[in-house]
Protein backbone atom coordinates (compact mmCIF):
# COMPACT_ATOMS: atom_id res chain seq x y z
CA MET A 1 36.14 -39.90 -30.77
CA LYS A 2 38.37 -36.95 -29.92
CA THR A 3 36.29 -34.77 -32.22
CA TYR A 4 33.13 -35.83 -30.38
CA GLN A 5 34.73 -35.09 -26.98
CA ALA A 6 35.92 -31.71 -28.19
CA ALA A 7 32.44 -30.88 -29.45
CA LEU A 8 30.94 -32.03 -26.15
CA ILE A 9 33.37 -29.85 -24.18
CA LEU A 10 32.53 -26.91 -26.43
CA CYS A 11 28.78 -27.46 -25.87
CA MET A 12 29.24 -27.75 -22.09
CA GLY A 13 31.33 -24.59 -22.10
CA ALA A 14 28.65 -22.74 -24.05
CA ALA A 15 25.97 -23.97 -21.62
CA ALA A 16 28.07 -22.87 -18.65
CA GLY A 17 28.60 -19.49 -20.29
CA ALA A 18 24.86 -19.13 -20.81
CA ALA A 19 24.22 -20.02 -17.17
CA GLN A 20 26.85 -17.50 -16.05
CA ALA A 21 25.25 -14.84 -18.23
CA ALA A 22 22.20 -14.75 -15.91
CA THR A 23 22.19 -11.38 -14.11
CA GLU A 24 21.97 -11.55 -10.32
CA LEU A 25 19.78 -8.74 -9.01
CA VAL A 26 20.31 -7.88 -5.33
CA ILE A 27 17.15 -6.39 -3.79
CA ALA A 28 17.06 -4.69 -0.38
CA THR A 29 13.60 -4.71 1.15
CA VAL A 30 11.61 -4.40 4.38
CA ASN A 31 10.30 -7.39 6.33
CA ASN A 32 6.58 -6.66 6.13
CA GLY A 33 3.80 -8.91 4.85
CA HIS A 34 3.46 -7.50 1.33
CA MET A 35 7.23 -7.67 0.69
CA ILE A 36 7.50 -11.22 2.02
CA GLU A 37 4.69 -12.22 -0.35
CA MET A 38 6.67 -10.65 -3.23
CA GLN A 39 9.68 -12.84 -2.36
CA LYS A 40 7.49 -15.96 -2.40
CA LEU A 41 6.55 -15.08 -5.99
CA THR A 42 10.22 -14.98 -7.11
CA PRO A 43 9.80 -18.19 -9.21
CA GLN A 44 7.07 -16.46 -11.25
CA PHE A 45 9.43 -13.59 -12.10
CA GLU A 46 12.39 -15.87 -12.88
CA LYS A 47 10.18 -17.98 -15.15
CA ALA A 48 9.19 -14.85 -17.11
CA TYR A 49 12.81 -13.56 -17.13
CA PRO A 50 15.09 -16.66 -17.16
CA ASP A 51 18.19 -14.50 -17.64
CA ILE A 52 17.66 -12.72 -14.27
CA LYS A 53 18.08 -14.29 -10.81
CA LEU A 54 16.79 -12.49 -7.70
CA LYS A 55 18.74 -12.29 -4.45
CA TRP A 56 16.84 -10.84 -1.47
CA VAL A 57 18.23 -8.91 1.49
CA THR A 58 15.27 -8.57 3.87
CA LEU A 59 15.67 -6.24 6.84
CA GLU A 60 13.68 -4.66 9.68
CA GLU A 61 12.59 -1.10 8.81
CA GLY A 62 15.19 0.83 10.84
CA THR A 63 18.04 -1.44 9.69
CA LEU A 64 16.91 -1.20 6.06
CA ARG A 65 16.93 2.61 6.19
CA SER A 66 20.46 2.80 7.61
CA ARG A 67 21.88 0.09 5.27
CA VAL A 68 20.51 1.56 2.04
CA THR A 69 21.34 5.14 3.11
CA THR A 70 24.95 4.20 3.88
CA ASP A 71 25.27 2.19 0.67
CA ILE A 72 23.92 4.90 -1.63
CA ALA A 73 25.76 7.78 0.09
CA THR A 74 29.12 5.93 -0.06
CA LYS A 75 28.43 4.54 -3.58
CA GLY A 76 28.91 1.07 -2.08
CA GLY A 77 27.03 -0.64 -4.90
CA GLN A 78 25.70 -3.51 -2.75
CA PHE A 79 22.15 -3.27 -4.10
CA ASP A 80 20.56 -3.12 -7.55
CA VAL A 81 17.05 -2.36 -6.25
CA MET A 82 16.25 -0.54 -3.01
CA THR A 83 13.01 -0.29 -1.07
CA ILE A 84 12.70 3.36 -0.03
CA GLY A 85 9.89 5.77 0.79
CA MET A 86 8.53 9.20 -0.03
CA TYR A 87 11.00 10.81 2.36
CA GLU A 88 14.16 9.55 0.65
CA THR A 89 13.03 9.59 -3.00
CA PRO A 90 13.00 13.37 -3.72
CA ILE A 91 16.16 13.99 -1.63
CA TRP A 92 18.18 11.25 -3.32
CA ALA A 93 16.86 12.02 -6.81
CA LYS A 94 17.98 15.65 -6.49
CA LYS A 95 21.47 14.46 -5.43
CA GLY A 96 21.67 12.28 -8.56
CA TRP A 97 21.72 9.08 -6.49
CA LEU A 98 18.76 7.42 -8.27
CA LYS A 99 18.12 6.45 -11.88
CA GLU A 100 14.95 7.79 -13.49
CA LEU A 101 12.39 5.04 -14.08
CA THR A 102 11.28 4.66 -17.70
CA PRO A 103 8.84 1.74 -17.83
CA ALA A 104 7.26 0.55 -21.10
CA ALA A 105 3.93 2.02 -22.24
CA SER A 106 2.13 -1.19 -21.20
CA TYR A 107 3.08 -0.42 -17.56
CA ASP A 108 0.57 2.48 -17.66
CA VAL A 109 2.17 5.16 -15.49
CA ASP A 110 -1.07 7.18 -15.72
CA ASP A 111 -2.82 4.40 -13.75
CA LEU A 112 -0.70 5.24 -10.68
CA LEU A 113 -2.66 7.25 -8.11
CA PRO A 114 -1.64 10.93 -8.57
CA ALA A 115 -0.67 11.38 -4.90
CA MET A 116 1.73 8.42 -5.11
CA ARG A 117 3.19 9.33 -8.50
CA ASN A 118 3.75 12.96 -7.50
CA GLY A 119 5.32 12.03 -4.15
CA LEU A 120 7.86 9.80 -5.91
CA SER A 121 8.68 12.22 -8.74
CA VAL A 122 10.98 15.22 -9.13
CA ASP A 123 10.30 17.74 -11.92
CA GLY A 124 7.73 15.36 -13.41
CA LYS A 125 10.20 12.44 -13.62
CA LEU A 126 9.49 9.19 -11.72
CA TYR A 127 12.38 7.98 -9.52
CA ALA A 128 10.66 5.21 -7.53
CA ALA A 129 7.61 3.03 -8.26
CA PRO A 130 5.07 2.49 -5.45
CA PHE A 131 4.76 -1.11 -4.27
CA TYR A 132 2.06 -0.22 -1.77
CA GLY A 133 0.79 3.10 -0.51
CA GLU A 134 -1.10 4.42 2.47
CA SER A 135 -2.64 7.45 4.06
CA SER A 136 -4.13 7.69 7.55
CA MET A 137 -7.75 7.70 8.73
CA LEU A 138 -10.02 7.33 11.75
CA MET A 139 -10.94 3.71 12.50
CA TYR A 140 -13.66 3.36 15.12
CA ARG A 141 -15.87 0.82 16.84
CA LYS A 142 -19.31 1.46 15.38
CA ASP A 143 -21.01 -0.74 17.98
CA LEU A 144 -19.68 1.57 20.72
CA THR A 145 -20.44 4.87 18.96
CA ASP A 146 -23.98 3.65 18.12
CA LYS A 147 -24.55 2.73 21.76
CA ALA A 148 -23.28 6.17 22.83
CA GLY A 149 -25.49 7.92 20.22
CA VAL A 150 -22.45 9.28 18.33
CA THR A 151 -22.41 9.66 14.54
CA PHE A 152 -19.35 10.89 12.66
CA PRO A 153 -19.41 12.95 9.46
CA GLU A 154 -17.12 11.84 6.63
CA ARG A 155 -14.30 13.97 8.07
CA PRO A 156 -14.88 14.69 11.78
CA THR A 157 -13.30 17.47 13.84
CA TRP A 158 -10.89 16.73 16.65
CA ASP A 159 -13.48 18.13 19.10
CA GLN A 160 -16.00 15.55 17.84
CA VAL A 161 -13.42 12.80 18.30
CA ARG A 162 -12.59 13.96 21.85
CA ASP A 163 -16.30 14.11 22.79
CA ALA A 164 -16.84 10.60 21.40
CA ALA A 165 -13.77 9.31 23.30
CA ALA A 166 -15.25 10.67 26.53
CA LYS A 167 -18.52 8.82 25.92
CA ILE A 168 -17.06 5.42 25.01
CA HIS A 169 -14.12 5.41 27.46
CA ASN A 170 -14.72 2.48 29.81
CA PRO A 171 -11.39 1.33 31.29
CA PRO A 172 -9.99 -1.27 31.63
CA ASN A 173 -12.36 -2.90 29.11
CA VAL A 174 -12.19 -0.20 26.42
CA TYR A 175 -10.11 2.98 26.14
CA GLY A 176 -11.74 5.90 24.35
CA ILE A 177 -8.88 6.39 21.87
CA CYS A 178 -5.48 4.90 21.05
CA LEU A 179 -2.80 7.07 19.40
CA ARG A 180 0.92 6.70 18.80
CA GLY A 181 3.19 7.93 21.59
CA LYS A 182 6.43 6.03 20.94
CA PRO A 183 9.21 8.43 19.89
CA GLY A 184 10.43 8.49 16.29
CA TRP A 185 10.08 10.61 13.14
CA GLY A 186 8.09 7.76 11.57
CA ASP A 187 6.38 6.78 14.85
CA ASN A 188 4.69 9.41 17.03
CA MET A 189 5.73 12.28 14.77
CA ALA A 190 4.06 10.77 11.68
CA PHE A 191 0.76 10.98 13.53
CA LEU A 192 1.45 14.19 15.44
CA SER A 193 2.62 16.12 12.36
CA THR A 194 -0.74 15.51 10.67
CA MET A 195 -2.58 16.56 13.81
CA ALA A 196 -0.46 19.71 14.04
CA ASN A 197 -1.03 20.45 10.31
CA SER A 198 -4.77 20.39 10.96
CA PHE A 199 -4.34 22.90 13.80
CA GLY A 200 -2.66 25.24 11.29
CA ALA A 201 0.97 24.38 12.17
CA GLN A 202 4.02 23.84 9.96
CA TRP A 203 7.53 22.47 10.61
CA PHE A 204 9.38 25.40 8.96
CA ASP A 205 8.40 28.81 7.61
CA MET A 206 9.52 30.06 4.18
CA GLY A 207 12.89 31.10 5.67
CA TRP A 208 13.39 27.51 6.94
CA LYS A 209 13.04 28.68 10.57
CA PRO A 210 11.51 25.93 12.81
CA GLN A 211 8.02 26.84 14.07
CA LEU A 212 7.65 24.52 17.08
CA GLU A 213 6.89 27.22 19.65
CA THR A 214 4.03 28.77 17.66
CA LYS A 215 0.41 28.73 18.89
CA PRO A 216 -0.79 26.04 16.43
CA TRP A 217 1.87 23.57 17.64
CA LYS A 218 1.10 24.39 21.27
CA ASP A 219 -2.66 23.97 20.69
CA ALA A 220 -2.17 20.64 18.88
CA VAL A 221 0.25 19.09 21.37
CA THR A 222 -1.79 20.26 24.37
CA PHE A 223 -4.91 18.69 22.84
CA TYR A 224 -3.01 15.46 22.06
CA VAL A 225 -1.50 15.09 25.54
CA ASP A 226 -4.85 15.81 27.26
CA LEU A 227 -6.66 13.34 24.98
CA LEU A 228 -4.27 10.48 25.79
CA LYS A 229 -4.07 11.28 29.51
CA LYS A 230 -7.88 11.29 29.87
CA TYR A 231 -9.02 8.66 27.37
CA GLY A 232 -5.96 6.69 26.20
CA PRO A 233 -4.59 3.38 27.47
CA PRO A 234 -1.93 3.42 30.20
CA GLY A 235 1.63 3.48 28.84
CA SER A 236 0.65 5.35 25.65
CA SER A 237 4.12 6.92 25.44
CA ALA A 238 5.48 3.47 24.44
CA ASN A 239 2.81 2.64 21.83
CA SER A 240 3.30 2.79 18.07
CA PHE A 241 1.57 0.98 15.20
CA ASN A 242 2.19 -2.64 16.25
CA GLU A 243 1.35 -2.11 19.93
CA ILE A 244 -1.93 -0.34 19.12
CA LEU A 245 -2.82 -2.91 16.46
CA ALA A 246 -2.60 -5.63 19.13
CA LEU A 247 -4.78 -3.57 21.52
CA TYR A 248 -7.35 -2.84 18.80
CA ASN A 249 -7.60 -6.46 17.72
CA GLU A 250 -8.25 -7.40 21.36
CA GLY A 251 -11.17 -4.93 21.44
CA LYS A 252 -9.41 -2.49 23.80
CA CYS A 253 -9.52 0.66 21.59
CA GLY A 254 -12.71 2.59 20.85
CA MET A 255 -10.99 4.69 18.17
CA TRP A 256 -7.64 4.82 16.42
CA VAL A 257 -6.15 7.32 13.94
CA ASP A 258 -3.36 5.63 12.00
CA ALA A 259 -2.19 4.14 8.70
CA THR A 260 -4.93 3.01 6.31
CA ILE A 261 -3.03 -0.29 5.95
CA ALA A 262 -4.19 -1.14 9.51
CA ALA A 263 -7.73 -1.53 8.18
CA SER A 264 -6.85 -4.76 6.40
CA PHE A 265 -5.74 -6.29 9.73
CA ILE A 266 -8.49 -5.04 12.06
CA THR A 267 -11.21 -6.20 9.63
CA ASP A 268 -9.66 -9.67 9.33
CA PRO A 269 -11.62 -12.11 11.54
CA LYS A 270 -8.55 -14.38 11.74
CA GLN A 271 -6.74 -11.78 13.84
CA SER A 272 -9.32 -9.28 15.12
CA LYS A 273 -12.01 -9.92 17.74
CA VAL A 274 -13.90 -6.83 16.50
CA ALA A 275 -13.52 -7.41 12.72
CA ASP A 276 -17.24 -6.93 12.01
CA LYS A 277 -17.64 -3.84 14.23
CA VAL A 278 -15.20 -1.41 12.57
CA ALA A 279 -16.14 1.72 10.60
CA PHE A 280 -13.99 4.41 8.97
CA ALA A 281 -13.84 8.18 8.57
CA GLN A 282 -11.24 10.60 7.19
CA GLY A 283 -8.41 11.95 9.35
CA PRO A 284 -9.83 14.45 11.88
CA TYR A 285 -9.08 18.17 11.60
CA ALA A 286 -9.17 21.28 13.80
CA VAL A 287 -8.89 24.51 11.78
CA THR A 288 -7.94 23.14 8.35
CA GLU A 289 -8.29 19.88 6.42
CA LYS A 290 -4.88 20.50 4.81
CA GLY A 291 -2.38 17.84 5.83
CA ALA A 292 -4.88 16.15 8.17
CA ASN A 293 -3.93 12.69 6.92
CA TRP A 294 -0.50 11.54 5.91
CA LEU A 295 0.90 10.06 2.72
CA TRP A 296 3.46 7.27 2.43
CA ALA A 297 4.56 4.66 -0.06
CA TRP A 298 7.03 1.83 0.16
CA ALA A 299 8.55 2.06 -3.28
CA LEU A 300 11.24 0.40 -5.41
CA ALA A 301 14.11 2.44 -6.83
CA ILE A 302 17.36 1.90 -8.76
CA PRO A 303 20.57 3.33 -7.27
CA ALA A 304 22.61 5.27 -9.82
CA GLY A 305 25.67 3.06 -9.22
CA THR A 306 24.15 -0.27 -10.27
CA LYS A 307 25.64 -2.14 -13.23
CA ASN A 308 22.33 -3.97 -13.73
CA ALA A 309 19.98 -1.06 -14.43
CA ASP A 310 18.10 -2.77 -17.29
CA ALA A 311 17.38 -5.89 -15.22
CA ALA A 312 16.41 -3.71 -12.24
CA GLN A 313 13.97 -1.76 -14.43
CA LYS A 314 12.38 -5.05 -15.59
CA PHE A 315 11.97 -6.27 -12.01
CA ILE A 316 10.45 -3.00 -10.74
CA SER A 317 8.03 -2.86 -13.68
CA TRP A 318 6.96 -6.46 -12.91
CA ALA A 319 6.59 -5.98 -9.12
CA THR A 320 4.56 -2.75 -9.32
CA SER A 321 2.40 -3.65 -12.33
CA LYS A 322 -1.32 -4.37 -12.70
CA ASP A 323 -0.36 -7.93 -13.61
CA TYR A 324 1.44 -8.37 -10.30
CA ILE A 325 -1.64 -7.21 -8.36
CA ASN A 326 -3.75 -9.71 -10.34
CA LEU A 327 -1.18 -12.43 -9.61
CA VAL A 328 -1.42 -11.84 -5.82
CA ALA A 329 -5.23 -11.81 -6.09
CA LYS A 330 -5.12 -15.16 -7.88
CA GLU A 331 -2.71 -16.70 -5.35
CA LYS A 332 -3.99 -15.13 -2.10
CA GLY A 333 -7.31 -13.40 -2.78
CA TRP A 334 -8.24 -9.77 -3.42
CA ALA A 335 -8.11 -8.79 0.28
CA ALA A 336 -4.36 -9.60 0.27
CA VAL A 337 -3.22 -7.44 -2.67
CA PRO A 338 -0.89 -4.46 -2.10
CA THR A 339 -3.16 -1.40 -2.01
CA GLY A 340 -2.79 2.34 -2.40
CA THR A 341 -0.95 2.43 -5.72
CA ARG A 342 -3.22 2.10 -8.79
CA LYS A 343 -6.57 3.51 -9.92
CA SER A 344 -7.39 0.17 -11.59
CA THR A 345 -7.26 -1.66 -8.22
CA TYR A 346 -10.01 0.58 -6.84
CA ALA A 347 -11.98 0.28 -10.08
CA ASN A 348 -12.08 -3.50 -9.60
CA PRO A 349 -15.42 -4.62 -8.09
CA GLU A 350 -13.85 -7.79 -6.67
CA PHE A 351 -11.30 -5.75 -4.71
CA MET A 352 -13.91 -3.23 -3.51
CA LYS A 353 -16.08 -6.10 -2.28
CA ALA A 354 -13.20 -7.91 -0.50
CA ALA A 355 -11.75 -4.77 1.13
CA VAL A 356 -14.47 -3.02 3.17
CA PHE A 357 -12.07 -0.13 3.89
CA ALA A 358 -11.13 0.50 0.23
CA ALA A 359 -13.32 3.55 -0.47
CA ALA A 360 -12.21 5.36 2.71
CA GLU A 361 -8.56 4.47 2.03
CA LYS A 362 -8.62 5.81 -1.52
CA LYS A 363 -10.37 9.02 -0.47
CA ALA A 364 -7.70 9.60 2.19
CA ILE A 365 -4.85 8.98 -0.28
CA ASP A 366 -6.42 11.24 -2.93
CA SER A 367 -6.88 14.10 -0.46
CA ALA A 368 -3.22 14.13 0.66
CA ASN A 369 -0.97 16.57 -1.19
CA PRO A 370 2.73 16.54 -0.20
CA ASN A 371 3.29 19.79 -2.14
CA ASP A 372 0.62 21.72 -0.22
CA SER A 373 0.07 20.23 3.22
CA THR A 374 0.09 23.24 5.56
CA LEU A 375 -2.16 26.26 6.05
CA PRO A 376 0.71 28.79 5.96
CA LYS A 377 2.95 28.38 2.89
CA SER A 378 5.87 26.01 3.58
CA PRO A 379 9.14 25.48 1.63
CA TYR A 380 9.20 21.68 1.99
CA VAL A 381 7.63 18.67 0.31
CA GLY A 382 5.93 16.08 2.56
CA VAL A 383 2.81 15.79 4.69
CA GLN A 384 4.01 14.10 7.91
CA PHE A 385 7.68 14.95 7.32
CA ALA A 386 9.80 17.54 5.54
CA ALA A 387 11.83 15.96 2.73
CA ILE A 388 15.19 17.44 3.73
CA PRO A 389 18.19 15.42 5.05
CA GLU A 390 18.10 17.19 8.43
CA PHE A 391 14.51 16.13 9.18
CA GLN A 392 15.40 12.64 10.36
CA ALA A 393 17.47 13.94 13.30
CA ILE A 394 14.95 16.71 14.04
CA GLY A 395 11.97 14.33 13.96
CA ILE A 396 13.70 11.91 16.35
CA ALA A 397 14.61 14.71 18.81
CA VAL A 398 11.11 16.22 18.75
CA GLY A 399 9.50 12.78 19.03
CA GLN A 400 11.40 12.13 22.26
CA GLN A 401 10.10 15.38 23.76
CA MET A 402 6.50 14.67 22.74
CA SER A 403 6.68 11.17 24.21
CA ALA A 404 8.03 12.62 27.47
CA ALA A 405 5.08 15.07 27.56
CA VAL A 406 2.59 12.19 27.17
CA ALA A 407 4.38 10.28 29.96
CA GLY A 408 4.10 13.36 32.22
CA LYS A 409 7.89 13.75 32.46
CA THR A 410 7.86 17.28 31.02
CA SER A 411 5.33 20.03 30.30
CA VAL A 412 4.05 20.76 26.80
CA ASP A 413 5.72 24.21 26.88
CA GLN A 414 9.08 22.77 27.92
CA ALA A 415 8.85 19.94 25.37
CA LEU A 416 8.22 22.44 22.55
CA LYS A 417 10.96 24.79 23.76
CA THR A 418 13.53 21.95 23.81
CA SER A 419 12.26 20.76 20.40
CA GLN A 420 12.61 24.23 18.88
CA ALA A 421 16.20 24.50 20.14
CA ALA A 422 17.11 21.07 18.70
CA ALA A 423 15.53 21.90 15.33
CA ASP A 424 17.22 25.31 15.20
CA ARG A 425 20.61 23.71 15.91
CA GLU A 426 20.22 21.17 13.06
CA MET A 427 19.04 23.81 10.57
CA ARG A 428 21.95 26.15 11.39
CA LYS A 429 24.36 23.21 11.06
CA GLY A 430 22.77 22.45 7.67
CA GLY A 431 23.44 26.03 6.53
CA TYR A 432 19.78 27.03 6.03
CA TYR A 433 20.41 30.32 7.86
CA LYS A 434 23.02 31.82 10.20
């Protein structure tokens, strides 16, 4: 009997040991729809990898950025997988804070859209895998432009957009155009940087000197402020993506230039009153098409300090694979899959049929080049940002000035002068020049 009990205890101990051997993977992510869907599919991953358990830390975008930045900079080691973007990836990779991703051949790295792969790589090595990607484009009410006799080319000019806004502006029922005005490097400055690029502007010259008081910046910001004052909704200085999305879905915006991801919401009859009236064109330009539409990816990366790198690699490969996209399509339908990452998604006729915006979205993503996004040569990587640590503070400071100009609290000249001084201060502090 004692022998049997001893054997039983041994077996139970072995089972407990096996259970303890499961690796817990702590994943920090953002609280948007695609990421929440990924969490719901946790059982599918754990079934395929029974030795790995997933623990989610889901945060609002601003909180996520500060938590993961603090953790990686202090080598805190709280997370095994981090959700980061195209801004952080090249900076952190160069500091040695991220592990290079080396997925198996079956993952098919060559299937990743070149713009996404390049934006998340340093010296040809991949440091984050795109979960979903986006560019920006013009989304407009075709019923209103038809009525006004306006037709847009594939990539319209800003003058054409302004003239169309004037014709369809009919407040308070419809405002000619809605654009971001809320301050933030990822809010109004994401949009305004692309607009400025197209006017021939750049954030920094080859000596890293800020260029905010140059003619192209002045031309772009003057055009932007005039456009919103004449044809935008009241209170534009407080509007970013979510506020404009709500206005658009209510039928209040004639046109909107913003993230391609918006197209999936404004064409959804469950949430948009104008779902069947929307058409798309490429991001407008003024003097150059370079940098006229932005490039962004929410991507998954492995911090260098993790003790669970192999498990993290398995999870990232699973979550950003073709199989994962097919899994979401099976569970939720092709219109719900994360877009903007793989060539094979856009080669799928079922996806192209379900997502009316797909062709315009892919064209926008393909045309964005973070290594060559300005008319004059620039020293930085990034389309709607400069991938240097100082940019976050600069973008926030400049965004506040631009928002104040839209609200009529300061002139364009004064806003740009104050912005230039703030940028110069940060760059001197960063040791870029004396």
